[in-house]
Amino acid sequence: MQIGVVIVNEIELISFWQKEESVAHIHGWDFSHIDGRYTEETDLPWDYQSIILHYLKPEMKLLDVDTGGGEFLLSLHHPHTNTSATEAYPPNIQLCRETLLPLGIDFRAGDGKDILPFDDAEFDIVINRHGDFNAQEIYRVLKAGGIFITEQVGAENDRELVELLLGKVELPFPEQYLEKVRKQFRNAGFDILDERECFRPIKFFDVGALVWFARIIEWEFPNFSVDTCKDRLLNAQRVLERKGCIEGLIHRFLLVAEKVK
């Protein structure tokens, strides 16, 4: 909960949650609104950035599929003239046009699930963090011997939190398991160089942060609202008061694949 906010009754609690719901939007992929109010991805058994940098050389042509707002891509400090990116979410498309294009990065609007707007065998490395992908398209745009590196959100991500707020609902992405994705890439003509999968804690230290999160991650929390889930939120508040946090599990997996020469 924000420092200085003291909740004394259910009416104030619900009013606070409604305010969090009303401001639930992001610019790029920025969760700073709930900094210090939740934790996740603090102990993944791999470092996605380090793995990319292990393979990436300045002369290589790099493509980031579903780049979000380009924040992670820019953190790689790859030469901009050798860097390309795609994004499909309309607010992020505009953000990327404003931030990436002026730097000389080749940004193009496009969905990772569809045909990528690039030529055959154009890239040495394609990366994708938590975005959509098409194994055949990645194979097409990679050069022979090119590398694909992805960290993905697994099918069972945040299920304890979803069930706390909504009860049992269907998995939004039931194909998102390492075993299934590995098979897709092998069938597309890749050799698998590295593969890992894990479940790690996600913790919320106030229910308002969880409300904001659930509204942002709407595909995991379908039709969630404070009004329709009020009783479940009050129960979450009791869990918080009893345990000191509300805890679930994130589901992540990593895949590094090489296009067969």
Protein backbone atom coordinates (compact mmCIF):
# COMPACT_ATOMS: atom_id res chain seq x y z
CA MET A 1 0.00 0.00 0.00
CA GLN A 2 1.20 3.51 -0.69
CA ILE A 3 3.11 5.05 2.20
CA GLY A 4 0.87 7.13 4.41
CA VAL A 5 -2.38 5.46 3.37
CA VAL A 6 -4.26 4.13 6.38
CA ILE A 7 -7.38 2.05 5.72
CA VAL A 8 -9.82 1.94 8.65
CA ASN A 9 -12.91 0.22 7.24
CA GLU A 10 -14.31 -1.71 4.28
CA ILE A 11 -15.76 1.39 2.63
CA GLU A 12 -12.33 3.04 2.56
CA LEU A 13 -10.74 -0.19 1.36
CA ILE A 14 -13.12 -0.50 -1.56
CA SER A 15 -12.72 3.19 -2.41
CA PHE A 16 -8.93 2.77 -2.44
CA TRP A 17 -9.18 -0.30 -4.67
CA GLN A 18 -11.47 1.55 -7.07
CA LYS A 19 -8.90 4.34 -7.35
CA GLU A 20 -6.22 1.78 -8.16
CA GLU A 21 -8.53 0.28 -10.76
CA SER A 22 -9.18 3.67 -12.35
CA VAL A 23 -5.48 4.43 -12.86
CA ALA A 24 -4.59 0.97 -14.18
CA HIS A 25 -2.80 1.69 -17.43
CA ILE A 26 0.81 1.50 -18.53
CA HIS A 27 3.09 3.34 -20.93
CA GLY A 28 5.28 0.78 -22.60
CA TRP A 29 5.74 -2.01 -20.05
CA ASP A 30 6.17 0.07 -16.91
CA PHE A 31 5.10 -1.37 -13.56
CA SER A 32 6.65 1.43 -11.51
CA HIS A 33 3.21 2.33 -10.10
CA ILE A 34 3.45 -0.71 -7.82
CA ASP A 35 7.19 -0.60 -7.11
CA GLY A 36 7.78 -1.71 -3.54
CA ARG A 37 4.26 -3.07 -3.28
CA TYR A 38 4.94 -6.39 -4.96
CA THR A 39 7.85 -8.60 -6.04
CA GLU A 40 8.37 -11.11 -8.85
CA GLU A 41 11.22 -12.46 -10.99
CA THR A 42 13.73 -11.84 -8.22
CA ASP A 43 15.17 -15.37 -8.33
CA LEU A 44 14.86 -16.77 -11.85
CA PRO A 45 17.48 -19.50 -12.42
CA TRP A 46 18.77 -17.71 -15.52
CA ASP A 47 19.59 -14.17 -16.64
CA TYR A 48 17.88 -13.52 -19.97
CA GLN A 49 20.00 -10.48 -20.77
CA SER A 50 23.28 -12.27 -20.04
CA ILE A 51 22.27 -15.19 -22.25
CA ILE A 52 21.56 -12.82 -25.14
CA LEU A 53 24.84 -10.98 -24.66
CA HIS A 54 26.68 -14.30 -24.70
CA TYR A 55 25.62 -14.79 -28.33
CA LEU A 56 25.25 -11.21 -29.53
CA LYS A 57 28.14 -9.44 -31.28
CA PRO A 58 28.08 -5.80 -32.48
CA GLU A 59 28.20 -6.74 -36.16
CA MET A 60 25.15 -9.01 -35.88
CA LYS A 61 21.68 -8.04 -37.11
CA LEU A 62 19.26 -8.23 -34.17
CA LEU A 63 15.44 -8.40 -34.19
CA ASP A 64 13.32 -8.02 -31.05
CA VAL A 65 9.81 -9.39 -31.66
CA ASP A 66 7.05 -7.88 -29.48
CA THR A 67 9.43 -5.34 -28.01
CA GLY A 68 6.84 -3.65 -25.75
CA GLY A 69 8.05 -0.09 -25.39
CA GLY A 70 11.59 -1.04 -26.40
CA GLU A 71 12.88 -0.70 -22.85
CA PHE A 72 14.64 -4.05 -22.67
CA LEU A 73 15.93 -3.78 -26.23
CA LEU A 74 17.63 -0.47 -25.47
CA SER A 75 19.25 -1.96 -22.37
CA LEU A 76 21.28 -4.25 -24.65
CA HIS A 77 23.10 -1.22 -26.13
CA HIS A 78 23.35 -2.94 -29.50
CA PRO A 79 24.37 -0.71 -32.45
CA HIS A 80 21.15 0.95 -33.55
CA THR A 81 21.89 0.48 -37.25
CA ASN A 82 21.95 -3.30 -36.67
CA THR A 83 18.78 -3.33 -34.56
CA SER A 84 15.17 -3.95 -35.59
CA ALA A 85 11.96 -4.41 -33.60
CA THR A 86 8.27 -5.15 -33.95
CA GLU A 87 5.29 -4.45 -31.69
CA ALA A 88 1.53 -4.90 -32.12
CA TYR A 89 -0.10 -3.20 -29.09
CA PRO A 90 -1.33 0.19 -30.42
CA PRO A 91 -0.17 2.42 -27.51
CA ASN A 92 3.26 0.78 -27.64
CA ILE A 93 3.47 1.15 -31.41
CA GLN A 94 3.23 4.90 -31.00
CA LEU A 95 5.73 4.86 -28.15
CA CYS A 96 8.22 2.87 -30.25
CA ARG A 97 7.81 5.25 -33.16
CA GLU A 98 8.63 8.12 -30.85
CA THR A 99 11.58 6.48 -29.06
CA LEU A 100 13.15 3.90 -31.40
CA LEU A 101 12.84 5.42 -34.87
CA PRO A 102 14.71 8.65 -33.99
CA LEU A 103 17.63 6.50 -32.79
CA GLY A 104 17.90 4.81 -36.17
CA ILE A 105 16.37 1.52 -35.02
CA ASP A 106 14.28 -0.15 -37.74
CA PHE A 107 10.91 -0.36 -36.00
CA ARG A 108 7.88 -1.80 -37.76
CA ALA A 109 4.37 -2.47 -36.49
CA GLY A 110 3.60 -6.17 -36.56
CA ASP A 111 2.27 -9.06 -34.50
CA GLY A 112 4.68 -11.82 -33.54
CA LYS A 113 2.04 -14.43 -34.35
CA ASP A 114 1.77 -13.28 -37.97
CA ILE A 115 4.09 -12.76 -40.93
CA LEU A 116 7.07 -10.68 -39.83
CA PRO A 117 7.60 -7.57 -42.01
CA PHE A 118 11.19 -8.46 -42.95
CA ASP A 119 13.05 -10.32 -45.70
CA ASP A 120 14.16 -13.94 -45.62
CA ALA A 121 17.45 -14.66 -43.82
CA GLU A 122 17.82 -11.06 -42.66
CA PHE A 123 18.88 -11.56 -39.01
CA ASP A 124 21.62 -13.26 -37.02
CA ILE A 125 19.62 -13.23 -33.78
CA VAL A 126 15.92 -12.93 -32.99
CA ILE A 127 14.83 -12.37 -29.40
CA ASN A 128 11.41 -12.34 -27.76
CA ARG A 129 10.62 -11.72 -24.11
CA HIS A 130 7.08 -12.53 -22.99
CA GLY A 131 5.68 -11.93 -26.49
CA ASP A 132 3.91 -13.82 -29.27
CA PHE A 133 5.94 -15.81 -31.75
CA ASN A 134 5.62 -17.91 -34.89
CA ALA A 135 8.32 -20.58 -35.19
CA GLN A 136 8.08 -20.78 -38.98
CA GLU A 137 8.41 -17.01 -39.37
CA ILE A 138 11.39 -16.86 -37.02
CA TYR A 139 13.02 -19.62 -39.05
CA ARG A 140 12.35 -17.66 -42.26
CA VAL A 141 13.90 -14.36 -41.13
CA LEU A 142 16.97 -15.95 -39.50
CA LYS A 143 20.16 -16.61 -41.40
CA ALA A 144 21.49 -20.17 -41.50
CA GLY A 145 22.97 -20.84 -38.08
CA GLY A 146 21.01 -17.91 -36.62
CA ILE A 147 19.89 -17.95 -33.00
CA PHE A 148 16.45 -17.49 -31.43
CA ILE A 149 16.32 -16.66 -27.71
CA THR A 150 13.08 -16.34 -25.79
CA GLU A 151 11.89 -16.07 -22.22
CA GLN A 152 8.19 -16.88 -22.04
CA VAL A 153 5.35 -16.64 -19.54
CA GLY A 154 4.05 -20.17 -19.00
CA ALA A 155 0.47 -21.39 -19.11
CA GLU A 156 0.11 -21.68 -15.33
CA ASN A 157 1.32 -18.16 -14.54
CA ASP A 158 -0.35 -16.43 -11.55
CA ARG A 159 -3.00 -19.16 -11.23
CA GLU A 160 -3.26 -18.88 -7.44
CA LEU A 161 -3.93 -15.15 -7.77
CA VAL A 162 -6.46 -15.66 -10.55
CA GLU A 163 -8.33 -18.24 -8.50
CA LEU A 164 -8.25 -15.99 -5.44
CA LEU A 165 -10.00 -13.19 -7.34
CA LEU A 166 -12.08 -15.07 -9.91
CA GLY A 167 -12.30 -18.74 -8.96
CA LYS A 168 -11.61 -21.40 -11.59
CA VAL A 169 -11.21 -19.97 -15.11
CA GLU A 170 -9.69 -21.50 -18.23
CA LEU A 171 -6.00 -21.11 -18.96
CA PRO A 172 -5.63 -18.20 -21.40
CA PHE A 173 -2.63 -19.76 -23.20
CA PRO A 174 -2.78 -23.56 -22.74
CA GLU A 175 0.02 -24.17 -25.26
CA GLN A 176 2.57 -22.22 -23.21
CA TYR A 177 4.62 -25.10 -21.84
CA LEU A 178 8.29 -25.64 -22.59
CA GLU A 179 7.68 -29.15 -23.89
CA LYS A 180 5.11 -27.94 -26.43
CA VAL A 181 7.10 -24.91 -27.57
CA ARG A 182 10.28 -26.98 -27.90
CA LYS A 183 8.39 -29.33 -30.23
CA GLN A 184 7.21 -26.39 -32.37
CA PHE A 185 10.77 -25.21 -32.93
CA ARG A 186 12.19 -28.65 -33.61
CA ASN A 187 9.44 -29.21 -36.18
CA ALA A 188 10.28 -25.84 -37.77
CA GLY A 189 13.93 -26.87 -38.30
CA PHE A 190 15.75 -25.71 -35.17
CA ASP A 191 18.26 -27.42 -32.90
CA ILE A 192 17.66 -26.71 -29.21
CA LEU A 193 20.75 -25.27 -27.49
CA ASP A 194 19.27 -24.49 -24.06
CA GLU A 195 15.93 -25.01 -22.34
CA ARG A 196 14.77 -24.36 -18.78
CA GLU A 197 11.47 -24.00 -16.95
CA CYS A 198 10.62 -22.81 -13.45
CA PHE A 199 7.96 -21.68 -10.99
CA ARG A 200 8.86 -18.85 -8.62
CA PRO A 201 6.99 -16.71 -6.04
CA ILE A 202 5.09 -13.52 -6.78
CA LYS A 203 4.06 -11.54 -3.68
CA PHE A 204 1.75 -8.56 -3.14
CA PHE A 205 1.96 -6.45 0.00
CA ASP A 206 -1.33 -4.61 -0.47
CA VAL A 207 -4.53 -5.58 -2.23
CA GLY A 208 -4.61 -2.30 -4.16
CA ALA A 209 -1.43 -3.32 -5.97
CA LEU A 210 -3.06 -6.64 -6.86
CA VAL A 211 -6.13 -4.77 -8.20
CA TRP A 212 -3.91 -2.62 -10.43
CA PHE A 213 -2.01 -5.71 -11.60
CA ALA A 214 -5.16 -7.67 -12.38
CA ARG A 215 -6.55 -4.82 -14.48
CA ILE A 216 -3.29 -4.50 -16.41
CA ILE A 217 -2.94 -8.27 -17.02
CA GLU A 218 -6.51 -8.51 -18.26
CA TRP A 219 -5.91 -11.66 -20.32
CA GLU A 220 -5.10 -13.56 -17.12
CA PHE A 221 -7.91 -11.95 -15.08
CA PRO A 222 -10.83 -11.84 -17.57
CA ASN A 223 -13.75 -9.59 -16.61
CA PHE A 224 -12.16 -8.66 -13.29
CA SER A 225 -13.43 -5.52 -11.59
CA VAL A 226 -13.58 -4.27 -8.02
CA ASP A 227 -17.39 -4.16 -8.10
CA THR A 228 -17.88 -7.73 -9.31
CA CYS A 229 -15.09 -9.21 -7.16
CA LYS A 230 -15.63 -7.18 -4.00
CA ASP A 231 -16.20 -10.16 -1.70
CA ARG A 232 -13.15 -11.98 -3.04
CA LEU A 233 -11.05 -8.85 -2.58
CA LEU A 234 -12.18 -8.55 1.01
CA ASN A 235 -11.16 -12.16 1.51
CA ALA A 236 -7.78 -11.33 -0.08
CA GLN A 237 -7.44 -8.50 2.44
CA ARG A 238 -7.99 -11.00 5.26
CA VAL A 239 -5.32 -13.28 3.78
CA LEU A 240 -2.95 -10.31 3.61
CA GLU A 241 -3.59 -9.35 7.22
CA ARG A 242 -3.06 -12.92 8.36
CA LYS A 243 0.04 -13.79 6.30
CA GLY A 244 1.62 -10.39 5.61
CA CYS A 245 1.39 -10.83 1.84
CA ILE A 246 -0.66 -12.42 -0.90
CA GLU A 247 1.44 -15.01 -2.69
CA GLY A 248 1.21 -16.95 -5.93
CA LEU A 249 3.57 -18.51 -8.44
CA ILE A 250 4.87 -17.23 -11.75
CA HIS A 251 5.56 -19.74 -14.52
CA ARG A 252 8.50 -19.00 -16.82
CA PHE A 253 10.53 -20.89 -19.39
CA LEU A 254 13.61 -20.19 -21.49
CA LEU A 255 14.44 -21.53 -24.94
CA VAL A 256 17.56 -20.99 -27.06
CA ALA A 257 17.36 -22.51 -30.55
CA GLU A 258 19.62 -22.49 -33.62
CA LYS A 259 18.40 -22.54 -37.20
CA VAL A 260 19.87 -25.66 -38.77
CA LYS A 261 22.42 -24.72 -41.41
